[in-house]
């Protein structure tokens, strides 16, 4: 199954814009919405130990493929290689700033907990 980051990003941005518009409308203000999408690379969130482990695993896979190719065995991409290729651009950081009324600070963890658990059904 191929990942579709475009559709996921579209849905995320659409939801953020709709929420920002609703929020600014509730206080009778013209909306000001700023959305940024940044591609997150391994360096942004991977620890040194995790990076070392991932690189070692990828090197082992490449070594096995090279040995198989040397003896004439048919070489096809393994699941690990496919996953590594697909992972390279699969993480994004989406940020939204707007001029809506916001949320009470103490309620934020509770609000997001309900939203995230409710969306998994």
C-alpha atoms as a PDB file:
ATOM      1  CA  UNK A   1       0.000   0.000   0.000  1.00  0.00           C
ATOM      2  CA  UNK A   2       1.459   3.308  -1.062  1.00  0.00           C
ATOM      3  CA  UNK A   3       1.353   6.247   1.320  1.00  0.00           C
ATOM      4  CA  UNK A   4      -0.333   9.392   0.116  1.00  0.00           C
ATOM      5  CA  UNK A   5       1.180  12.320   2.019  1.00  0.00           C
ATOM      6  CA  UNK A   6      -0.482  14.786  -0.353  1.00  0.00           C
ATOM      7  CA  UNK A   7      -3.972  13.687   0.639  1.00  0.00           C
ATOM      8  CA  UNK A   8      -3.065  13.554   4.341  1.00  0.00           C
ATOM      9  CA  UNK A   9      -1.558  17.027   4.210  1.00  0.00           C
ATOM     10  CA  UNK A  10      -4.561  18.358   2.306  1.00  0.00           C
ATOM     11  CA  UNK A  11      -6.947  16.976   4.932  1.00  0.00           C
ATOM     12  CA  UNK A  12      -4.833  18.382   7.770  1.00  0.00           C
ATOM     13  CA  UNK A  13      -4.599  21.851   6.222  1.00  0.00           C
ATOM     14  CA  UNK A  14      -8.319  21.890   5.380  1.00  0.00           C
ATOM     15  CA  UNK A  15      -9.222  21.042   8.996  1.00  0.00           C
ATOM     16  CA  UNK A  16      -6.867  23.686  10.376  1.00  0.00           C
ATOM     17  CA  UNK A  17      -8.248  26.373   8.059  1.00  0.00           C
ATOM     18  CA  UNK A  18     -11.867  25.444   8.842  1.00  0.00           C
ATOM     19  CA  UNK A  19     -11.163  25.569  12.582  1.00  0.00           C
ATOM     20  CA  UNK A  20      -9.362  28.915  12.265  1.00  0.00           C
ATOM     21  CA  UNK A  21     -12.239  30.385  10.242  1.00  0.00           C
ATOM     22  CA  UNK A  22     -14.798  29.184  12.787  1.00  0.00           C
ATOM     23  CA  UNK A  23     -12.735  30.560  15.651  1.00  0.00           C
ATOM     24  CA  UNK A  24     -12.310  34.029  14.121  1.00  0.00           C
ATOM     25  CA  UNK A  25     -15.988  34.127  13.153  1.00  0.00           C
ATOM     26  CA  UNK A  26     -17.007  33.406  16.753  1.00  0.00           C
ATOM     27  CA  UNK A  27     -15.305  36.636  17.885  1.00  0.00           C
ATOM     28  CA  UNK A  28     -16.483  38.645  14.830  1.00  0.00           C
ATOM     29  CA  UNK A  29     -12.975  39.209  13.439  1.00  0.00           C
ATOM     30  CA  UNK A  30     -11.670  38.853   9.900  1.00  0.00           C
ATOM     31  CA  UNK A  31      -9.517  35.710   9.820  1.00  0.00           C
ATOM     32  CA  UNK A  32      -5.736  35.834   9.743  1.00  0.00           C
ATOM     33  CA  UNK A  33      -4.350  32.326   9.232  1.00  0.00           C
ATOM     34  CA  UNK A  34      -0.716  31.295   8.736  1.00  0.00           C
ATOM     35  CA  UNK A  35       0.053  27.651   7.948  1.00  0.00           C
ATOM     36  CA  UNK A  36       3.529  26.231   7.417  1.00  0.00           C
ATOM     37  CA  UNK A  37       4.452  22.730   6.286  1.00  0.00           C
ATOM     38  CA  UNK A  38       8.033  21.602   6.873  1.00  0.00           C
ATOM     39  CA  UNK A  39       9.442  18.277   5.798  1.00  0.00           C
ATOM     40  CA  UNK A  40      10.951  16.646   8.879  1.00  0.00           C
ATOM     41  CA  UNK A  41      14.146  14.734   8.187  1.00  0.00           C
ATOM     42  CA  UNK A  42      15.767  12.022  10.306  1.00  0.00           C
ATOM     43  CA  UNK A  43      18.028  14.614  11.934  1.00  0.00           C
ATOM     44  CA  UNK A  44      14.976  16.428  13.294  1.00  0.00           C
ATOM     45  CA  UNK A  45      13.798  13.610  15.564  1.00  0.00           C
ATOM     46  CA  UNK A  46      16.132  10.621  15.474  1.00  0.00           C
ATOM     47  CA  UNK A  47      18.570  10.059  18.338  1.00  0.00           C
ATOM     48  CA  UNK A  48      22.203   9.243  17.590  1.00  0.00           C
ATOM     49  CA  UNK A  49      21.708   5.667  18.822  1.00  0.00           C
ATOM     50  CA  UNK A  50      18.595   5.161  16.676  1.00  0.00           C
ATOM     51  CA  UNK A  51      20.414   6.606  13.658  1.00  0.00           C
ATOM     52  CA  UNK A  52      23.350   4.248  14.202  1.00  0.00           C
ATOM     53  CA  UNK A  53      21.003   1.266  14.488  1.00  0.00           C
ATOM     54  CA  UNK A  54      19.050   2.242  11.346  1.00  0.00           C
ATOM     55  CA  UNK A  55      22.204   2.791   9.293  1.00  0.00           C
ATOM     56  CA  UNK A  56      23.644  -0.563  10.425  1.00  0.00           C
ATOM     57  CA  UNK A  57      20.436  -2.356   9.423  1.00  0.00           C
ATOM     58  CA  UNK A  58      20.363  -0.640   6.035  1.00  0.00           C
ATOM     59  CA  UNK A  59      24.044  -1.536   5.493  1.00  0.00           C
ATOM     60  CA  UNK A  60      23.340  -5.222   6.280  1.00  0.00           C
ATOM     61  CA  UNK A  61      20.493  -5.283   3.769  1.00  0.00           C
ATOM     62  CA  UNK A  62      22.680  -3.702   1.082  1.00  0.00           C
ATOM     63  CA  UNK A  63      25.502  -6.156   1.845  1.00  0.00           C
ATOM     64  CA  UNK A  64      23.174  -9.140   1.450  1.00  0.00           C
ATOM     65  CA  UNK A  65      21.830  -7.733  -1.809  1.00  0.00           C
ATOM     66  CA  UNK A  66      25.375  -7.196  -3.120  1.00  0.00           C
ATOM     67  CA  UNK A  67      26.347 -10.793  -2.251  1.00  0.00           C
ATOM     68  CA  UNK A  68      23.240 -12.138  -3.953  1.00  0.00           C
ATOM     69  CA  UNK A  69      23.920 -10.050  -7.052  1.00  0.00           C
ATOM     70  CA  UNK A  70      27.530 -11.287  -7.148  1.00  0.00           C
ATOM     71  CA  UNK A  71      26.413 -14.936  -7.259  1.00  0.00           C
ATOM     72  CA  UNK A  72      23.802 -14.200  -9.888  1.00  0.00           C
ATOM     73  CA  UNK A  73      20.742 -14.413  -7.694  1.00  0.00           C
ATOM     74  CA  UNK A  74      17.861 -12.218  -8.665  1.00  0.00           C
ATOM     75  CA  UNK A  75      17.931  -9.152  -6.420  1.00  0.00           C
ATOM     76  CA  UNK A  76      14.701  -7.472  -5.479  1.00  0.00           C
ATOM     77  CA  UNK A  77      13.996  -4.748  -2.965  1.00  0.00           C
ATOM     78  CA  UNK A  78      13.384  -6.175   0.472  1.00  0.00           C
ATOM     79  CA  UNK A  79      10.649  -4.863   2.752  1.00  0.00           C
ATOM     80  CA  UNK A  80      13.288  -3.006   4.794  1.00  0.00           C
ATOM     81  CA  UNK A  81      14.679  -1.291   1.683  1.00  0.00           C
ATOM     82  CA  UNK A  82      11.205  -0.318   0.494  1.00  0.00           C
ATOM     83  CA  UNK A  83      10.348   1.013   3.942  1.00  0.00           C
ATOM     84  CA  UNK A  84      13.570   3.042   4.055  1.00  0.00           C
ATOM     85  CA  UNK A  85      12.839   4.551   0.631  1.00  0.00           C
ATOM     86  CA  UNK A  86       9.257   5.386   1.567  1.00  0.00           C
ATOM     87  CA  UNK A  87      10.253   6.855   4.920  1.00  0.00           C
ATOM     88  CA  UNK A  88      12.542   9.512   3.543  1.00  0.00           C
ATOM     89  CA  UNK A  89       9.810  12.075   2.876  1.00  0.00           C
ATOM     90  CA  UNK A  90       7.019  10.736   5.067  1.00  0.00           C
ATOM     91  CA  UNK A  91       7.286  13.054   8.055  1.00  0.00           C
ATOM     92  CA  UNK A  92       5.964  16.587   8.059  1.00  0.00           C
ATOM     93  CA  UNK A  93       5.580  19.286  10.697  1.00  0.00           C
ATOM     94  CA  UNK A  94       2.407  21.319  10.178  1.00  0.00           C
ATOM     95  CA  UNK A  95       2.022  24.552  12.147  1.00  0.00           C
ATOM     96  CA  UNK A  96      -1.024  26.807  12.233  1.00  0.00           C
ATOM     97  CA  UNK A  97      -1.300  30.304  13.723  1.00  0.00           C
ATOM     98  CA  UNK A  98      -4.534  32.267  13.660  1.00  0.00           C
ATOM     99  CA  UNK A  99      -6.260  35.183  15.352  1.00  0.00           C
ATOM    100  CA  UNK A 100      -9.111  33.143  16.830  1.00  0.00           C
ATOM    101  CA  UNK A 101     -10.027  33.157  20.488  1.00  0.00           C
ATOM    102  CA  UNK A 102      -7.857  30.138  21.320  1.00  0.00           C
ATOM    103  CA  UNK A 103      -8.338  27.536  24.029  1.00  0.00           C
ATOM    104  CA  UNK A 104      -7.968  27.801  27.796  1.00  0.00           C
ATOM    105  CA  UNK A 105      -4.433  26.580  28.524  1.00  0.00           C
ATOM    106  CA  UNK A 106      -5.473  24.053  31.178  1.00  0.00           C
ATOM    107  CA  UNK A 107      -8.007  22.442  28.821  1.00  0.00           C
ATOM    108  CA  UNK A 108      -5.608  21.799  25.915  1.00  0.00           C
ATOM    109  CA  UNK A 109      -4.370  18.287  26.913  1.00  0.00           C
ATOM    110  CA  UNK A 110      -7.923  17.122  27.516  1.00  0.00           C
ATOM    111  CA  UNK A 111      -9.201  18.569  24.235  1.00  0.00           C
ATOM    112  CA  UNK A 112      -6.508  16.975  22.108  1.00  0.00           C
ATOM    113  CA  UNK A 113      -6.846  13.657  23.936  1.00  0.00           C
ATOM    114  CA  UNK A 114     -10.527  13.455  23.016  1.00  0.00           C
ATOM    115  CA  UNK A 115      -9.904  14.574  19.431  1.00  0.00           C
ATOM    116  CA  UNK A 116      -7.112  12.087  18.805  1.00  0.00           C
ATOM    117  CA  UNK A 117      -8.814   9.134  20.478  1.00  0.00           C
ATOM    118  CA  UNK A 118     -12.121   9.972  18.803  1.00  0.00           C
ATOM    119  CA  UNK A 119     -10.559  10.059  15.334  1.00  0.00           C
ATOM    120  CA  UNK A 120      -9.235   6.499  15.646  1.00  0.00           C
ATOM    121  CA  UNK A 121     -12.716   4.922  15.510  1.00  0.00           C
END
